Structures are given as C-alpha cells and as structure tokens.
Amino acid sequence: MDNVKLLLKLREQQITQLKLANLTGIANSTISEIIRGRRKPTEEQKNLIADYLKVSVKSIFPDN
C-alpha cells in the first residue's frame, strides 16, 4: 500500500523527495520505497521524517 499521507504532506509543503532525503540523511531510493509502500520505515526514519515535516509520526505513519 502506498504511503499517501506522506506523499500528500510532501506536496502540501512543496518538498521534493530528494530534498527530504538530503535533509534527513535517508537515501532518496529509501524515501521512494517508503512512499510506494515497498519498504517499511524504521522508527528512526519515521522520527526523522516527522521532525523535518513538523508533524506527528502518527499523522503520516498511522500504523505506528
């Protein structure tokens, strides 16, 4: 299943996957796989992404 909430938040904040990758230290390919639902993010990755986007982890990763 795609991570639509994360994708929508990136679009809402006008942040590219590449920019998110660069600023969080998470590989761009990993960000892409998380968005496409091909990879589950680690707790650390969830926290890094949520912190950068200034949202709660649960708002973009509801299965948490």
N, C-alpha and C. Protein backbone atom coordinates (compact mmCIF):
# COMPACT_ATOMS: atom_id res chain seq x y z
N MET A 1 0.84 -1.18 0.00
CA MET A 1 0.00 0.00 0.00
C MET A 1 0.89 1.24 0.00
N ASP A 2 0.52 2.20 -0.78
CA ASP A 2 1.27 3.46 -0.86
C ASP A 2 1.11 4.25 0.44
N ASN A 3 2.10 5.04 0.76
CA ASN A 3 2.01 5.93 1.91
C ASN A 3 1.52 7.28 1.40
N VAL A 4 0.22 7.35 1.19
CA VAL A 4 -0.41 8.54 0.62
C VAL A 4 -0.27 9.74 1.55
N LYS A 5 -0.36 9.51 2.84
CA LYS A 5 -0.27 10.64 3.78
C LYS A 5 1.08 11.33 3.70
N LEU A 6 2.13 10.55 3.59
CA LEU A 6 3.46 11.14 3.46
C LEU A 6 3.58 11.89 2.14
N LEU A 7 3.13 11.29 1.08
CA LEU A 7 3.19 11.93 -0.24
C LEU A 7 2.41 13.24 -0.25
N LEU A 8 1.22 13.22 0.32
CA LEU A 8 0.40 14.45 0.36
C LEU A 8 1.06 15.53 1.20
N LYS A 9 1.67 15.15 2.31
CA LYS A 9 2.35 16.13 3.16
C LYS A 9 3.53 16.76 2.42
N LEU A 10 4.27 15.95 1.67
CA LEU A 10 5.38 16.49 0.89
C LEU A 10 4.88 17.49 -0.15
N ARG A 11 3.82 17.13 -0.83
CA ARG A 11 3.24 18.04 -1.84
C ARG A 11 2.71 19.30 -1.19
N GLU A 12 2.03 19.15 -0.07
CA GLU A 12 1.47 20.29 0.65
C GLU A 12 2.56 21.29 1.04
N GLN A 13 3.68 20.76 1.49
CA GLN A 13 4.79 21.62 1.93
C GLN A 13 5.76 21.94 0.80
N GLN A 14 5.45 21.47 -0.39
CA GLN A 14 6.27 21.70 -1.58
C GLN A 14 7.73 21.27 -1.37
N ILE A 15 7.85 20.04 -0.85
CA ILE A 15 9.16 19.46 -0.60
C ILE A 15 9.32 18.26 -1.52
N THR A 16 10.43 18.19 -2.21
CA THR A 16 10.68 17.05 -3.08
C THR A 16 11.23 15.88 -2.25
N GLN A 17 11.11 14.70 -2.82
CA GLN A 17 11.68 13.53 -2.16
C GLN A 17 13.18 13.70 -2.00
N LEU A 18 13.82 14.25 -3.00
CA LEU A 18 15.27 14.45 -2.95
C LEU A 18 15.65 15.41 -1.82
N LYS A 19 14.91 16.48 -1.66
CA LYS A 19 15.20 17.44 -0.59
C LYS A 19 15.00 16.78 0.77
N LEU A 20 13.92 16.02 0.91
CA LEU A 20 13.67 15.31 2.17
C LEU A 20 14.81 14.34 2.45
N ALA A 21 15.26 13.64 1.43
CA ALA A 21 16.36 12.70 1.58
C ALA A 21 17.63 13.42 2.03
N ASN A 22 17.95 14.50 1.39
CA ASN A 22 19.17 15.25 1.72
C ASN A 22 19.13 15.80 3.14
N LEU A 23 17.98 16.29 3.56
CA LEU A 23 17.89 16.93 4.86
C LEU A 23 17.73 15.95 6.02
N THR A 24 17.28 14.73 5.74
CA THR A 24 17.13 13.74 6.80
C THR A 24 18.26 12.73 6.83
N GLY A 25 19.04 12.68 5.74
CA GLY A 25 20.11 11.70 5.65
C GLY A 25 19.63 10.32 5.25
N ILE A 26 18.38 10.23 4.84
CA ILE A 26 17.80 8.97 4.37
C ILE A 26 17.96 8.93 2.86
N ALA A 27 18.42 7.82 2.32
CA ALA A 27 18.64 7.72 0.88
C ALA A 27 17.36 8.03 0.10
N ASN A 28 17.51 8.71 -1.01
CA ASN A 28 16.37 9.05 -1.85
C ASN A 28 15.62 7.79 -2.29
N SER A 29 16.35 6.73 -2.60
CA SER A 29 15.70 5.49 -3.01
C SER A 29 14.86 4.90 -1.87
N THR A 30 15.34 5.08 -0.64
CA THR A 30 14.59 4.59 0.52
C THR A 30 13.31 5.40 0.70
N ILE A 31 13.41 6.72 0.56
CA ILE A 31 12.22 7.58 0.65
C ILE A 31 11.20 7.14 -0.39
N SER A 32 11.66 6.92 -1.60
CA SER A 32 10.78 6.49 -2.68
C SER A 32 10.09 5.17 -2.35
N GLU A 33 10.85 4.22 -1.83
CA GLU A 33 10.29 2.92 -1.50
C GLU A 33 9.29 3.02 -0.34
N ILE A 34 9.55 3.89 0.62
CA ILE A 34 8.61 4.11 1.72
C ILE A 34 7.31 4.68 1.18
N ILE A 35 7.40 5.67 0.30
CA ILE A 35 6.20 6.29 -0.27
C ILE A 35 5.40 5.27 -1.08
N ARG A 36 6.09 4.42 -1.82
CA ARG A 36 5.40 3.43 -2.65
C ARG A 36 4.94 2.21 -1.86
N GLY A 37 5.27 2.16 -0.59
CA GLY A 37 4.85 1.04 0.23
C GLY A 37 5.67 -0.21 0.04
N ARG A 38 6.81 -0.09 -0.58
CA ARG A 38 7.68 -1.24 -0.81
C ARG A 38 8.63 -1.49 0.35
N ARG A 39 8.73 -0.52 1.24
CA ARG A 39 9.62 -0.64 2.40
C ARG A 39 8.94 0.02 3.59
N LYS A 40 9.07 -0.61 4.73
CA LYS A 40 8.56 -0.02 5.97
C LYS A 40 9.69 0.79 6.59
N PRO A 41 9.40 2.02 6.97
CA PRO A 41 10.45 2.83 7.59
C PRO A 41 10.77 2.34 9.00
N THR A 42 12.01 2.52 9.40
CA THR A 42 12.40 2.22 10.77
C THR A 42 11.82 3.30 11.67
N GLU A 43 11.86 3.05 12.96
CA GLU A 43 11.39 4.07 13.92
C GLU A 43 12.21 5.34 13.78
N GLU A 44 13.51 5.17 13.59
CA GLU A 44 14.39 6.34 13.43
C GLU A 44 14.01 7.13 12.17
N GLN A 45 13.75 6.44 11.08
CA GLN A 45 13.37 7.11 9.84
C GLN A 45 12.04 7.82 10.01
N LYS A 46 11.09 7.18 10.67
CA LYS A 46 9.79 7.82 10.93
C LYS A 46 9.98 9.12 11.70
N ASN A 47 10.80 9.06 12.74
CA ASN A 47 11.04 10.24 13.56
C ASN A 47 11.75 11.35 12.79
N LEU A 48 12.75 10.98 12.00
CA LEU A 48 13.47 11.98 11.20
C LEU A 48 12.54 12.69 10.22
N ILE A 49 11.71 11.90 9.54
CA ILE A 49 10.79 12.47 8.55
C ILE A 49 9.75 13.35 9.23
N ALA A 50 9.16 12.86 10.30
CA ALA A 50 8.13 13.63 11.01
C ALA A 50 8.71 14.92 11.58
N ASP A 51 9.90 14.83 12.16
CA ASP A 51 10.55 16.03 12.72
C ASP A 51 10.80 17.06 11.63
N TYR A 52 11.31 16.63 10.51
CA TYR A 52 11.58 17.57 9.43
C TYR A 52 10.30 18.22 8.92
N LEU A 53 9.24 17.43 8.78
CA LEU A 53 7.96 17.96 8.27
C LEU A 53 7.17 18.69 9.34
N LYS A 54 7.65 18.63 10.58
CA LYS A 54 6.99 19.28 11.72
C LYS A 54 5.56 18.77 11.92
N VAL A 55 5.43 17.45 11.88
CA VAL A 55 4.15 16.79 12.11
C VAL A 55 4.39 15.61 13.06
N SER A 56 3.31 15.07 13.58
CA SER A 56 3.46 13.89 14.44
C SER A 56 3.72 12.67 13.56
N VAL A 57 4.39 11.71 14.14
CA VAL A 57 4.66 10.45 13.42
C VAL A 57 3.34 9.81 12.99
N LYS A 58 2.36 9.80 13.89
CA LYS A 58 1.08 9.15 13.60
C LYS A 58 0.32 9.82 12.45
N SER A 59 0.57 11.09 12.22
CA SER A 59 -0.17 11.78 11.15
C SER A 59 0.28 11.33 9.76
N ILE A 60 1.50 10.83 9.64
CA ILE A 60 1.97 10.36 8.33
C ILE A 60 2.24 8.86 8.30
N PHE A 61 2.36 8.27 9.48
CA PHE A 61 2.55 6.82 9.59
C PHE A 61 1.50 6.30 10.58
N PRO A 62 0.25 6.22 10.17
CA PRO A 62 -0.83 5.88 11.11
C PRO A 62 -0.73 4.48 11.71
N ASP A 63 0.05 3.58 11.11
CA ASP A 63 0.19 2.24 11.66
C ASP A 63 1.11 2.18 12.86
N ASN A 64 1.69 3.32 13.19
CA ASN A 64 2.66 3.38 14.27
C ASN A 64 2.01 3.14 15.62
